[in-house]
Amino acid sequence: MSRTRIIIVGAGYAGITAANRLAARGHQVVLVNGRPDFVERIRLHELAAGSARGVTRPLSAMVGRGVDVVIERATALYPDRMEIELASGRVEAADHIILATGSDVGGGVRTLESAREARGRIARLGPGSHVQVAGAGPTGVEVAAELAEARPDLHVGLNDPSGVLPSLPSRHRAGVEATLTRLGVSVTGAVAGEDVAYEIDCTGFSAAGLAGEAGLQTDGLGRVLVTPTLQVVGHPRVWAVGDCAAVEGQPWLRMSCAAATPMGAHVADGIHRSESGLSPAPLDIGFAALCMSLGRHDGLVAGVDRRDAPQSFVVRGRVAASVKEAICRLAARAPRWTRGRFWLRGAA
């Protein structure tokens, strides 16, 4: 009997996790990605600021035996035929297709290319130049802090009409604002438009990929709608995970590697169960904290409940920076794990 053939589109945290887990169980896995490396997206702000040089790892070092890596961009999905089309025009068919295309829209520091562009633009700025970071959510705060620490000769502004980290409790925000001020970031609003030498857009993410073009149902961010088992609505042999997926009944799942990696493991388990004659289980993951770096020597670890609602627990300073660094390293290793449950359960 032939092995089940599974195509995974996208080699981020979710895609690699799913690929390794499925291959370890004997399935035929094809991992399609437009570049030959894995990008540590949670370090892109470091690259943009110039405090990190390498944020990629070869896919050959990330995937295990049994994963066939195809370095080519997927340009079309045909869910009714269970096929994808590659940029070369080649068509690949599968028994299951997993969309793990992430949120790779351009601009800001959302992609490797945009982070490299930001790094180059910033490197060419002379002392006293004004850099404006638009958006004071976690990404914007990390970018502003990293840049201010790496380039103290620049004037860095952080602009968001909702304020800094508006979803967090006021005492958490106050601590972050104090750190930003110490680093020299203007957190009071915007620098005058004509004075801005470069602006970095960190106002949010949108899902990337093939879902909308293939006629799949999507939400306002372009994420494909999936059932709690991660199956695409109306196409039970097409699955979606990570930033490109919106899970029915679980709106608290933020676009993050904290959600993407467990989703990759869960979709692999679901397909394996399906091929074993069992019903795939609903996704059951929960959060524990929001972790942010504020430069290389400071940070924030803010406790959240399983549904990502802020709690009173908080760790700041060097300890928090060390925790964030440890999490970044763990996040790059976890996709290679092929067995076991390594995430919290969600709320009942």
C-alpha atoms as a PDB file:
ATOM      1  CA  MET A   1       0.000   0.000   0.000  1.00  0.00           C
ATOM      2  CA  SER A   2       1.376   3.436  -0.926  1.00  0.00           C
ATOM      3  CA  ARG A   3       2.212   5.922   1.783  1.00  0.00           C
ATOM      4  CA  THR A   4       0.059   8.972   2.407  1.00  0.00           C
ATOM      5  CA  ARG A   5       1.500  11.954   0.513  1.00  0.00           C
ATOM      6  CA  ILE A   6       1.344  15.276   2.303  1.00  0.00           C
ATOM      7  CA  ILE A   7       2.394  18.621   0.856  1.00  0.00           C
ATOM      8  CA  ILE A   8       3.219  21.406   3.291  1.00  0.00           C
ATOM      9  CA  VAL A   9       3.416  24.925   1.879  1.00  0.00           C
ATOM     10  CA  GLY A  10       5.670  27.094   4.016  1.00  0.00           C
ATOM     11  CA  ALA A  11       8.717  26.293   6.146  1.00  0.00           C
ATOM     12  CA  GLY A  12       8.209  28.476   9.176  1.00  0.00           C
ATOM     13  CA  TYR A  13       7.686  27.382  12.765  1.00  0.00           C
ATOM     14  CA  ALA A  14       4.423  25.564  12.002  1.00  0.00           C
ATOM     15  CA  GLY A  15       5.388  24.051   8.659  1.00  0.00           C
ATOM     16  CA  ILE A  16       8.681  22.543   9.806  1.00  0.00           C
ATOM     17  CA  THR A  17       7.107  21.188  12.986  1.00  0.00           C
ATOM     18  CA  ALA A  18       4.387  19.457  10.978  1.00  0.00           C
ATOM     19  CA  ALA A  19       6.861  18.104   8.423  1.00  0.00           C
ATOM     20  CA  ASN A  20       9.180  16.520  10.964  1.00  0.00           C
ATOM     21  CA  ARG A  21       6.370  15.034  13.014  1.00  0.00           C
ATOM     22  CA  LEU A  22       4.648  13.496   9.990  1.00  0.00           C
ATOM     23  CA  ALA A  23       7.844  12.130   8.461  1.00  0.00           C
ATOM     24  CA  ALA A  24       8.777  10.482  11.749  1.00  0.00           C
ATOM     25  CA  ARG A  25       5.517   8.537  11.521  1.00  0.00           C
ATOM     26  CA  GLY A  26       6.268   7.188   8.078  1.00  0.00           C
ATOM     27  CA  HIS A  27       4.265   9.552   5.883  1.00  0.00           C
ATOM     28  CA  GLN A  28       5.605  10.874   2.586  1.00  0.00           C
ATOM     29  CA  VAL A  29       6.192  14.576   3.219  1.00  0.00           C
ATOM     30  CA  VAL A  30       6.951  17.293   0.670  1.00  0.00           C
ATOM     31  CA  LEU A  31       7.890  20.661   2.176  1.00  0.00           C
ATOM     32  CA  VAL A  32       7.583  23.526  -0.314  1.00  0.00           C
ATOM     33  CA  ASN A  33       9.301  26.804   0.490  1.00  0.00           C
ATOM     34  CA  GLY A  34      10.435  29.739  -1.587  1.00  0.00           C
ATOM     35  CA  ARG A  35      13.845  29.965   0.093  1.00  0.00           C
ATOM     36  CA  PRO A  36      16.389  27.362   1.281  1.00  0.00           C
ATOM     37  CA  ASP A  37      16.405  28.491   4.874  1.00  0.00           C
ATOM     38  CA  PHE A  38      14.274  28.848   7.973  1.00  0.00           C
ATOM     39  CA  VAL A  39      13.816  32.417   9.204  1.00  0.00           C
ATOM     40  CA  GLU A  40      13.743  33.115  12.938  1.00  0.00           C
ATOM     41  CA  ARG A  41      11.023  35.708  12.609  1.00  0.00           C
ATOM     42  CA  ILE A  42      11.020  36.557  16.296  1.00  0.00           C
ATOM     43  CA  ARG A  43      14.550  37.927  15.805  1.00  0.00           C
ATOM     44  CA  LEU A  44      13.847  40.125  12.776  1.00  0.00           C
ATOM     45  CA  HIS A  45      13.806  43.273  14.911  1.00  0.00           C
ATOM     46  CA  GLU A  46      17.383  42.445  15.946  1.00  0.00           C
ATOM     47  CA  LEU A  47      18.410  42.159  12.308  1.00  0.00           C
ATOM     48  CA  ALA A  48      16.726  45.440  11.373  1.00  0.00           C
ATOM     49  CA  ALA A  49      18.446  47.316  14.205  1.00  0.00           C
ATOM     50  CA  GLY A  50      21.845  45.858  13.371  1.00  0.00           C
ATOM     51  CA  SER A  51      22.302  43.968  16.645  1.00  0.00           C
ATOM     52  CA  ALA A  52      22.054  40.540  14.969  1.00  0.00           C
ATOM     53  CA  ARG A  53      23.622  39.337  11.748  1.00  0.00           C
ATOM     54  CA  GLY A  54      22.234  35.856  11.268  1.00  0.00           C
ATOM     55  CA  VAL A  55      18.548  35.071  11.728  1.00  0.00           C
ATOM     56  CA  THR A  56      18.336  32.167   9.286  1.00  0.00           C
ATOM     57  CA  ARG A  57      19.166  28.466   9.485  1.00  0.00           C
ATOM     58  CA  PRO A  58      19.504  26.095   6.518  1.00  0.00           C
ATOM     59  CA  LEU A  59      16.417  23.961   6.033  1.00  0.00           C
ATOM     60  CA  SER A  60      18.748  20.990   5.803  1.00  0.00           C
ATOM     61  CA  ALA A  61      19.566  21.563   9.475  1.00  0.00           C
ATOM     62  CA  MET A  62      15.918  21.930  10.470  1.00  0.00           C
ATOM     63  CA  VAL A  63      14.207  18.956   8.817  1.00  0.00           C
ATOM     64  CA  GLY A  64      14.776  15.304   9.536  1.00  0.00           C
ATOM     65  CA  ARG A  65      14.935  12.232   7.366  1.00  0.00           C
ATOM     66  CA  GLY A  66      11.933  11.559   5.185  1.00  0.00           C
ATOM     67  CA  VAL A  67      11.149  15.197   4.380  1.00  0.00           C
ATOM     68  CA  ASP A  68      11.529  16.070   0.683  1.00  0.00           C
ATOM     69  CA  VAL A  69      12.309  19.796   0.522  1.00  0.00           C
ATOM     70  CA  VAL A  70      11.331  21.651  -2.660  1.00  0.00           C
ATOM     71  CA  ILE A  71      12.854  25.126  -2.912  1.00  0.00           C
ATOM     72  CA  GLU A  72      10.275  26.821  -5.070  1.00  0.00           C
ATOM     73  CA  ARG A  73       7.418  29.220  -4.527  1.00  0.00           C
ATOM     74  CA  ALA A  74       3.880  27.861  -4.577  1.00  0.00           C
ATOM     75  CA  THR A  75       1.786  30.103  -6.808  1.00  0.00           C
ATOM     76  CA  ALA A  76      -1.635  28.449  -6.782  1.00  0.00           C
ATOM     77  CA  LEU A  77      -3.745  26.038  -4.764  1.00  0.00           C
ATOM     78  CA  TYR A  78      -6.483  23.885  -6.287  1.00  0.00           C
ATOM     79  CA  PRO A  79      -8.315  22.452  -3.279  1.00  0.00           C
ATOM     80  CA  ASP A  80     -10.915  20.518  -5.265  1.00  0.00           C
ATOM     81  CA  ARG A  81      -8.161  18.677  -7.144  1.00  0.00           C
ATOM     82  CA  MET A  82      -5.810  18.512  -4.126  1.00  0.00           C
ATOM     83  CA  GLU A  83      -3.003  20.095  -6.122  1.00  0.00           C
ATOM     84  CA  ILE A  84      -0.635  23.017  -5.869  1.00  0.00           C
ATOM     85  CA  GLU A  85       1.155  24.778  -8.697  1.00  0.00           C
ATOM     86  CA  LEU A  86       4.757  25.935  -8.376  1.00  0.00           C
ATOM     87  CA  ALA A  87       6.408  28.984  -9.925  1.00  0.00           C
ATOM     88  CA  SER A  88       8.016  26.753 -12.557  1.00  0.00           C
ATOM     89  CA  GLY A  89       4.563  25.621 -13.678  1.00  0.00           C
ATOM     90  CA  ARG A  90       4.985  22.175 -12.163  1.00  0.00           C
ATOM     91  CA  VAL A  91       1.886  20.772 -10.483  1.00  0.00           C
ATOM     92  CA  GLU A  92       2.115  18.589  -7.372  1.00  0.00           C
ATOM     93  CA  ALA A  93      -0.737  16.440  -6.046  1.00  0.00           C
ATOM     94  CA  ALA A  94      -1.226  15.136  -2.523  1.00  0.00           C
ATOM     95  CA  ASP A  95      -3.579  13.253  -0.236  1.00  0.00           C
ATOM     96  CA  HIS A  96      -3.415  16.139   2.249  1.00  0.00           C
ATOM     97  CA  ILE A  97      -2.245  19.736   1.858  1.00  0.00           C
ATOM     98  CA  ILE A  98      -1.159  21.883   4.798  1.00  0.00           C
ATOM     99  CA  LEU A  99      -1.050  25.653   4.357  1.00  0.00           C
ATOM    100  CA  ALA A 100       1.623  27.160   6.610  1.00  0.00           C
ATOM    101  CA  THR A 101       2.328  30.294   4.601  1.00  0.00           C
ATOM    102  CA  GLY A 102       2.548  32.662   7.554  1.00  0.00           C
ATOM    103  CA  SER A 103       2.155  36.423   7.376  1.00  0.00           C
ATOM    104  CA  ASP A 104       4.864  37.407   4.953  1.00  0.00           C
ATOM    105  CA  VAL A 105       3.478  40.672   3.610  1.00  0.00           C
ATOM    106  CA  GLY A 106       6.158  43.258   2.909  1.00  0.00           C
ATOM    107  CA  GLY A 107       7.090  46.372   4.824  1.00  0.00           C
ATOM    108  CA  GLY A 108       8.252  47.046   8.368  1.00  0.00           C
ATOM    109  CA  VAL A 109      10.167  44.074   9.752  1.00  0.00           C
ATOM    110  CA  ARG A 110       7.607  41.428   8.848  1.00  0.00           C
ATOM    111  CA  THR A 111       9.847  39.478   6.481  1.00  0.00           C
ATOM    112  CA  LEU A 112      13.532  38.733   6.089  1.00  0.00           C
ATOM    113  CA  GLU A 113      13.655  40.958   3.017  1.00  0.00           C
ATOM    114  CA  SER A 114      11.977  43.915   4.708  1.00  0.00           C
ATOM    115  CA  ALA A 115      14.157  43.556   7.818  1.00  0.00           C
ATOM    116  CA  ARG A 116      17.281  43.518   5.650  1.00  0.00           C
ATOM    117  CA  GLU A 117      16.042  46.575   3.795  1.00  0.00           C
ATOM    118  CA  ALA A 118      15.448  48.360   7.107  1.00  0.00           C
ATOM    119  CA  ARG A 119      18.931  47.389   8.297  1.00  0.00           C
ATOM    120  CA  GLY A 120      20.496  48.830   5.161  1.00  0.00           C
ATOM    121  CA  ARG A 121      18.478  52.044   5.303  1.00  0.00           C
ATOM    122  CA  ILE A 122      19.280  52.564   8.975  1.00  0.00           C
ATOM    123  CA  ALA A 123      22.986  51.856   8.465  1.00  0.00           C
ATOM    124  CA  ARG A 124      23.145  54.713   5.956  1.00  0.00           C
ATOM    125  CA  LEU A 125      21.593  57.246   8.331  1.00  0.00           C
ATOM    126  CA  GLY A 126      23.909  59.806   9.845  1.00  0.00           C
ATOM    127  CA  PRO A 127      24.023  60.857  13.508  1.00  0.00           C
ATOM    128  CA  GLY A 128      21.012  62.884  14.573  1.00  0.00           C
ATOM    129  CA  SER A 129      18.687  61.388  11.962  1.00  0.00           C
ATOM    130  CA  HIS A 130      15.087  60.785  12.992  1.00  0.00           C
ATOM    131  CA  VAL A 131      13.591  57.291  12.728  1.00  0.00           C
ATOM    132  CA  GLN A 132       9.907  56.828  13.371  1.00  0.00           C
ATOM    133  CA  VAL A 133       8.408  53.478  14.411  1.00  0.00           C
ATOM    134  CA  ALA A 134       4.680  53.370  13.631  1.00  0.00           C
ATOM    135  CA  GLY A 135       2.726  51.063  15.915  1.00  0.00           C
ATOM    136  CA  ALA A 136       3.455  50.458  19.607  1.00  0.00           C
ATOM    137  CA  GLY A 137       2.382  46.865  19.921  1.00  0.00           C
ATOM    138  CA  PRO A 138       4.967  44.222  20.870  1.00  0.00           C
ATOM    139  CA  THR A 139       6.751  44.337  17.503  1.00  0.00           C
ATOM    140  CA  GLY A 140       6.965  48.121  17.399  1.00  0.00           C
ATOM    141  CA  VAL A 141       8.193  48.330  20.984  1.00  0.00           C
ATOM    142  CA  GLU A 142      10.873  45.697  20.352  1.00  0.00           C
ATOM    143  CA  VAL A 143      12.021  47.460  17.179  1.00  0.00           C
ATOM    144  CA  ALA A 144      12.197  50.878  18.852  1.00  0.00           C
ATOM    145  CA  ALA A 145      14.081  49.591  21.900  1.00  0.00           C
ATOM    146  CA  GLU A 146      16.519  47.508  19.858  1.00  0.00           C
ATOM    147  CA  LEU A 147      17.237  50.360  17.482  1.00  0.00           C
ATOM    148  CA  ALA A 148      17.685  52.972  20.211  1.00  0.00           C
ATOM    149  CA  GLU A 149      20.159  50.743  22.042  1.00  0.00           C
ATOM    150  CA  ALA A 150      22.101  49.771  18.906  1.00  0.00           C
ATOM    151  CA  ARG A 151      22.157  53.319  17.459  1.00  0.00           C
ATOM    152  CA  PRO A 152      22.119  55.830  20.321  1.00  0.00           C
ATOM    153  CA  ASP A 153      23.180  58.512  17.821  1.00  0.00           C
ATOM    154  CA  LEU A 154      19.728  58.397  16.197  1.00  0.00           C
ATOM    155  CA  HIS A 155      16.503  60.021  17.389  1.00  0.00           C
ATOM    156  CA  VAL A 156      13.946  57.201  17.633  1.00  0.00           C
ATOM    157  CA  GLY A 157      10.241  57.959  17.965  1.00  0.00           C
ATOM    158  CA  LEU A 158       7.426  55.520  18.706  1.00  0.00           C
ATOM    159  CA  ASN A 159       4.012  56.593  17.489  1.00  0.00           C
ATOM    160  CA  ASP A 160       0.662  54.939  18.188  1.00  0.00           C
ATOM    161  CA  PRO A 161      -2.627  56.758  18.867  1.00  0.00           C
ATOM    162  CA  SER A 162      -3.579  53.947  21.261  1.00  0.00           C
ATOM    163  CA  GLY A 163      -0.410  54.332  23.324  1.00  0.00           C
ATOM    164  CA  VAL A 164       2.292  51.822  24.185  1.00  0.00           C
ATOM    165  CA  LEU A 165       1.112  48.202  24.504  1.00  0.00           C
ATOM    166  CA  PRO A 166      -2.539  49.205  25.013  1.00  0.00           C
ATOM    167  CA  SER A 167      -3.684  45.645  25.762  1.00  0.00           C
ATOM    168  CA  LEU A 168      -1.506  45.359  28.881  1.00  0.00           C
ATOM    169  CA  PRO A 169      -2.236  46.607  32.429  1.00  0.00           C
ATOM    170  CA  SER A 170      -1.150  50.176  33.161  1.00  0.00           C
ATOM    171  CA  ARG A 171       1.689  49.199  35.494  1.00  0.00           C
ATOM    172  CA  HIS A 172       3.172  46.923  32.829  1.00  0.00           C
ATOM    173  CA  ARG A 173       2.954  49.743  30.290  1.00  0.00           C
ATOM    174  CA  ALA A 174       4.530  52.224  32.685  1.00  0.00           C
ATOM    175  CA  GLY A 175       7.558  49.995  33.180  1.00  0.00           C
ATOM    176  CA  VAL A 176       8.033  49.557  29.439  1.00  0.00           C
ATOM    177  CA  GLU A 177       7.665  53.293  28.816  1.00  0.00           C
ATOM    178  CA  ALA A 178      10.296  53.992  31.479  1.00  0.00           C
ATOM    179  CA  THR A 179      12.723  51.613  29.783  1.00  0.00           C
ATOM    180  CA  LEU A 180      12.067  53.134  26.375  1.00  0.00           C
ATOM    181  CA  THR A 181      12.638  56.613  27.775  1.00  0.00           C
ATOM    182  CA  ARG A 182      15.913  55.500  29.368  1.00  0.00           C
ATOM    183  CA  LEU A 183      17.022  54.183  25.976  1.00  0.00           C
ATOM    184  CA  GLY A 184      16.204  57.533  24.396  1.00  0.00           C
ATOM    185  CA  VAL A 185      12.987  56.614  22.599  1.00  0.00           C
ATOM    186  CA  SER A 186      10.397  59.364  22.309  1.00  0.00           C
ATOM    187  CA  VAL A 187       7.171  57.662  23.383  1.00  0.00           C
ATOM    188  CA  THR A 188       5.016  60.775  23.411  1.00  0.00           C
ATOM    189  CA  GLY A 189       3.935  60.541  19.801  1.00  0.00           C
ATOM    190  CA  ALA A 190       5.366  61.397  16.432  1.00  0.00           C
ATOM    191  CA  VAL A 191       8.345  63.268  15.125  1.00  0.00           C
ATOM    192  CA  ALA A 192       7.328  65.975  12.662  1.00  0.00           C
ATOM    193  CA  GLY A 193       6.760  64.317   9.294  1.00  0.00           C
ATOM    194  CA  GLU A 194       9.248  66.456   7.387  1.00  0.00           C
ATOM    195  CA  ASP A 195      11.982  65.568   9.883  1.00  0.00           C
ATOM    196  CA  VAL A 196      11.608  61.808   9.588  1.00  0.00           C
ATOM    197  CA  ALA A 197      14.469  60.218   7.665  1.00  0.00           C
ATOM    198  CA  TYR A 198      12.989  56.734   7.810  1.00  0.00           C
ATOM    199  CA  GLU A 199       9.744  55.197   9.051  1.00  0.00           C
ATOM    200  CA  ILE A 200       9.287  51.566  10.076  1.00  0.00           C
ATOM    201  CA  ASP A 201       5.708  50.329   9.843  1.00  0.00           C
ATOM    202  CA  CYS A 202       4.852  47.980  12.715  1.00  0.00           C
ATOM    203  CA  THR A 203       1.107  48.537  12.672  1.00  0.00           C
ATOM    204  CA  GLY A 204       0.144  44.891  12.333  1.00  0.00           C
ATOM    205  CA  PHE A 205       0.290  41.688  10.352  1.00  0.00           C
ATOM    206  CA  SER A 206      -1.847  40.247   7.586  1.00  0.00           C
ATOM    207  CA  ALA A 207      -1.901  36.649   6.475  1.00  0.00           C
ATOM    208  CA  ALA A 208      -0.053  35.765   3.314  1.00  0.00           C
ATOM    209  CA  GLY A 209      -0.494  33.023   0.825  1.00  0.00           C
ATOM    210  CA  LEU A 210      -2.841  31.191  -1.404  1.00  0.00           C
ATOM    211  CA  ALA A 211      -6.067  30.924   0.574  1.00  0.00           C
ATOM    212  CA  GLY A 212      -8.023  33.857  -0.809  1.00  0.00           C
ATOM    213  CA  GLU A 213      -6.846  33.300  -4.362  1.00  0.00           C
ATOM    214  CA  ALA A 214      -7.971  29.670  -4.121  1.00  0.00           C
ATOM    215  CA  GLY A 215     -11.477  30.696  -3.102  1.00  0.00           C
ATOM    216  CA  LEU A 216     -11.157  29.546   0.510  1.00  0.00           C
ATOM    217  CA  GLN A 217     -13.080  31.408   3.189  1.00  0.00           C
ATOM    218  CA  THR A 218     -10.913  33.995   4.963  1.00  0.00           C
ATOM    219  CA  ASP A 219     -11.279  36.554   7.736  1.00  0.00           C
ATOM    220  CA  GLY A 220     -10.522  40.274   7.667  1.00  0.00           C
ATOM    221  CA  LEU A 221      -6.786  39.639   8.025  1.00  0.00           C
ATOM    222  CA  GLY A 222      -6.738  37.195   5.135  1.00  0.00           C
ATOM    223  CA  ARG A 223      -6.426  34.137   7.370  1.00  0.00           C
ATOM    224  CA  VAL A 224      -8.126  31.004   6.102  1.00  0.00           C
ATOM    225  CA  LEU A 225     -11.025  29.842   8.267  1.00  0.00           C
ATOM    226  CA  VAL A 226     -10.445  26.423   9.789  1.00  0.00           C
ATOM    227  CA  THR A 227     -12.427  24.176  12.091  1.00  0.00           C
ATOM    228  CA  PRO A 228     -11.105  23.413  15.606  1.00  0.00           C
ATOM    229  CA  THR A 229      -9.357  20.392  14.047  1.00  0.00           C
ATOM    230  CA  LEU A 230      -7.478  22.800  11.695  1.00  0.00           C
ATOM    231  CA  GLN A 231      -9.274  21.551   8.587  1.00  0.00           C
ATOM    232  CA  VAL A 232     -10.212  24.211   6.057  1.00  0.00           C
ATOM    233  CA  VAL A 233     -13.943  24.888   6.002  1.00  0.00           C
ATOM    234  CA  GLY A 234     -15.433  22.901   3.120  1.00  0.00           C
ATOM    235  CA  HIS A 235     -12.179  21.077   2.327  1.00  0.00           C
ATOM    236  CA  PRO A 236     -11.431  18.490   5.027  1.00  0.00           C
ATOM    237  CA  ARG A 237      -8.195  17.289   3.401  1.00  0.00           C
ATOM    238  CA  VAL A 238      -6.767  20.787   3.267  1.00  0.00           C
ATOM    239  CA  TRP A 239      -5.431  22.079   6.576  1.00  0.00           C
ATOM    240  CA  ALA A 240      -4.031  25.421   7.721  1.00  0.00           C
ATOM    241  CA  VAL A 241      -1.772  26.332  10.625  1.00  0.00           C
ATOM    242  CA  GLY A 242       0.147  29.247  12.079  1.00  0.00           C
ATOM    243  CA  ASP A 243      -0.347  32.880  11.145  1.00  0.00           C
ATOM    244  CA  CYS A 244      -2.367  32.054   8.023  1.00  0.00           C
ATOM    245  CA  ALA A 245      -5.116  30.236   9.985  1.00  0.00           C
ATOM    246  CA  ALA A 246      -8.100  31.556  11.951  1.00  0.00           C
ATOM    247  CA  VAL A 247      -9.428  28.792  14.192  1.00  0.00           C
ATOM    248  CA  GLU A 248     -13.190  28.652  14.667  1.00  0.00           C
ATOM    249  CA  GLY A 249     -14.158  29.447  18.262  1.00  0.00           C
ATOM    250  CA  GLN A 250     -10.616  30.362  19.364  1.00  0.00           C
ATOM    251  CA  PRO A 251     -10.196  34.102  18.654  1.00  0.00           C
ATOM    252  CA  TRP A 252      -7.550  34.462  21.369  1.00  0.00           C
ATOM    253  CA  LEU A 253      -4.931  32.646  19.275  1.00  0.00           C
ATOM    254  CA  ARG A 254      -2.569  35.457  18.324  1.00  0.00           C
ATOM    255  CA  MET A 255      -0.276  35.356  15.312  1.00  0.00           C
ATOM    256  CA  SER A 256       2.897  34.112  17.001  1.00  0.00           C
ATOM    257  CA  CYS A 257       5.386  31.273  17.119  1.00  0.00           C
ATOM    258  CA  ALA A 258       3.878  30.452  20.530  1.00  0.00           C
ATOM    259  CA  ALA A 259       0.745  29.369  18.657  1.00  0.00           C
ATOM    260  CA  ALA A 260       2.291  28.285  15.348  1.00  0.00           C
ATOM    261  CA  THR A 261       4.604  25.565  16.640  1.00  0.00           C
ATOM    262  CA  PRO A 262       1.922  23.722  18.661  1.00  0.00           C
ATOM    263  CA  MET A 263      -0.457  24.086  15.712  1.00  0.00           C
ATOM    264  CA  GLY A 264       2.127  22.429  13.477  1.00  0.00           C
ATOM    265  CA  ALA A 265       2.425  19.520  15.891  1.00  0.00           C
ATOM    266  CA  HIS A 266      -1.333  19.271  16.265  1.00  0.00           C
ATOM    267  CA  VAL A 267      -2.052  19.192  12.537  1.00  0.00           C
ATOM    268  CA  ALA A 268       0.488  16.393  12.123  1.00  0.00           C
ATOM    269  CA  ASP A 269      -1.213  14.426  14.872  1.00  0.00           C
ATOM    270  CA  GLY A 270      -4.602  15.133  13.282  1.00  0.00           C
ATOM    271  CA  ILE A 271      -3.591  13.866   9.850  1.00  0.00           C
ATOM    272  CA  HIS A 272      -1.982  10.786  11.358  1.00  0.00           C
ATOM    273  CA  ARG A 273      -5.154  10.046  13.308  1.00  0.00           C
ATOM    274  CA  SER A 274      -7.261  10.589  10.197  1.00  0.00           C
ATOM    275  CA  GLU A 275      -5.133   8.167   8.190  1.00  0.00           C
ATOM    276  CA  SER A 276      -5.386   5.646  11.049  1.00  0.00           C
ATOM    277  CA  GLY A 277      -9.184   5.677  10.870  1.00  0.00           C
ATOM    278  CA  LEU A 278      -9.633   7.971  13.876  1.00  0.00           C
ATOM    279  CA  SER A 279     -11.195  11.412  14.115  1.00  0.00           C
ATOM    280  CA  PRO A 280      -8.747  14.302  14.514  1.00  0.00           C
ATOM    281  CA  ALA A 281      -8.986  16.015  17.895  1.00  0.00           C
ATOM    282  CA  PRO A 282      -9.805  19.720  18.283  1.00  0.00           C
ATOM    283  CA  LEU A 283      -6.923  22.099  18.889  1.00  0.00           C
ATOM    284  CA  ASP A 284      -6.247  22.615  22.591  1.00  0.00           C
ATOM    285  CA  ILE A 285      -3.432  25.065  23.333  1.00  0.00           C
ATOM    286  CA  GLY A 286      -3.075  27.870  25.851  1.00  0.00           C
ATOM    287  CA  PHE A 287      -0.725  30.757  26.517  1.00  0.00           C
ATOM    288  CA  ALA A 288       1.301  31.536  29.639  1.00  0.00           C
ATOM    289  CA  ALA A 289       3.049  34.851  29.003  1.00  0.00           C
ATOM    290  CA  LEU A 290       3.866  37.622  26.565  1.00  0.00           C
ATOM    291  CA  CYS A 291       7.657  37.888  26.291  1.00  0.00           C
ATOM    292  CA  MET A 292       9.429  40.900  24.818  1.00  0.00           C
ATOM    293  CA  SER A 293      13.005  42.079  24.533  1.00  0.00           C
ATOM    294  CA  LEU A 294      13.736  45.744  25.189  1.00  0.00           C
ATOM    295  CA  GLY A 295      17.202  45.871  23.728  1.00  0.00           C
ATOM    296  CA  ARG A 296      19.822  43.279  24.609  1.00  0.00           C
ATOM    297  CA  HIS A 297      19.801  43.903  28.373  1.00  0.00           C
ATOM    298  CA  ASP A 298      16.186  44.507  29.339  1.00  0.00           C
ATOM    299  CA  GLY A 299      12.856  42.878  28.710  1.00  0.00           C
ATOM    300  CA  LEU A 300       9.327  42.131  29.825  1.00  0.00           C
ATOM    301  CA  VAL A 301       7.668  38.845  30.696  1.00  0.00           C
ATOM    302  CA  ALA A 302       3.997  39.600  31.332  1.00  0.00           C
ATOM    303  CA  GLY A 303       1.786  36.799  32.560  1.00  0.00           C
ATOM    304  CA  VAL A 304      -1.390  35.969  30.649  1.00  0.00           C
ATOM    305  CA  ASP A 305      -4.067  33.367  31.173  1.00  0.00           C
ATOM    306  CA  ARG A 306      -4.598  30.446  28.819  1.00  0.00           C
ATOM    307  CA  ARG A 307      -6.725  32.666  26.563  1.00  0.00           C
ATOM    308  CA  ASP A 308      -4.041  35.371  26.425  1.00  0.00           C
ATOM    309  CA  ALA A 309      -5.787  37.806  28.784  1.00  0.00           C
ATOM    310  CA  PRO A 310      -3.267  39.890  30.801  1.00  0.00           C
ATOM    311  CA  GLN A 311      -2.577  38.934  34.420  1.00  0.00           C
ATOM    312  CA  SER A 312      -0.764  40.746  37.216  1.00  0.00           C
ATOM    313  CA  PHE A 313       2.426  38.649  37.116  1.00  0.00           C
ATOM    314  CA  VAL A 314       5.380  40.455  35.547  1.00  0.00           C
ATOM    315  CA  VAL A 315       9.166  40.098  35.311  1.00  0.00           C
ATOM    316  CA  ARG A 316      11.348  42.927  34.024  1.00  0.00           C
ATOM    317  CA  GLY A 317      14.980  43.786  33.464  1.00  0.00           C
ATOM    318  CA  ARG A 318      17.884  41.462  32.749  1.00  0.00           C
ATOM    319  CA  VAL A 319      16.030  38.404  33.996  1.00  0.00           C
ATOM    320  CA  ALA A 320      13.233  39.043  31.500  1.00  0.00           C
ATOM    321  CA  ALA A 321      15.791  39.624  28.730  1.00  0.00           C
ATOM    322  CA  SER A 322      17.392  36.272  29.559  1.00  0.00           C
ATOM    323  CA  VAL A 323      14.006  34.549  29.518  1.00  0.00           C
ATOM    324  CA  LYS A 324      13.189  36.028  26.104  1.00  0.00           C
ATOM    325  CA  GLU A 325      16.555  34.941  24.708  1.00  0.00           C
ATOM    326  CA  ALA A 326      16.029  31.418  26.050  1.00  0.00           C
ATOM    327  CA  ILE A 327      12.583  31.314  24.436  1.00  0.00           C
ATOM    328  CA  CYS A 328      14.013  32.444  21.089  1.00  0.00           C
ATOM    329  CA  ARG A 329      16.550  29.625  21.207  1.00  0.00           C
ATOM    330  CA  LEU A 330      13.913  27.112  22.254  1.00  0.00           C
ATOM    331  CA  ALA A 331      11.619  28.279  19.444  1.00  0.00           C
ATOM    332  CA  ALA A 332      14.319  27.445  16.896  1.00  0.00           C
ATOM    333  CA  ARG A 333      14.789  23.943  18.326  1.00  0.00           C
ATOM    334  CA  ALA A 334      11.176  22.937  18.945  1.00  0.00           C
ATOM    335  CA  PRO A 335      10.215  22.404  15.261  1.00  0.00           C
ATOM    336  CA  ARG A 336      12.681  19.504  15.145  1.00  0.00           C
ATOM    337  CA  TRP A 337      10.935  17.611  17.944  1.00  0.00           C
ATOM    338  CA  THR A 338       8.915  14.720  16.563  1.00  0.00           C
ATOM    339  CA  ARG A 339       7.102  13.355  19.603  1.00  0.00           C
ATOM    340  CA  GLY A 340       5.246  14.406  22.704  1.00  0.00           C
ATOM    341  CA  ARG A 341       3.230  17.369  23.842  1.00  0.00           C
ATOM    342  CA  PHE A 342       5.260  20.468  24.650  1.00  0.00           C
ATOM    343  CA  TRP A 343       2.553  23.117  25.046  1.00  0.00           C
ATOM    344  CA  LEU A 344      -0.032  24.144  27.613  1.00  0.00           C
ATOM    345  CA  ARG A 345      -3.624  23.083  27.289  1.00  0.00           C
ATOM    346  CA  GLY A 346      -6.193  25.752  26.578  1.00  0.00           C
ATOM    347  CA  ALA A 347      -8.957  26.949  28.841  1.00  0.00           C
ATOM    348  CA  ALA A 348     -11.867  24.587  29.408  1.00  0.00           C
END
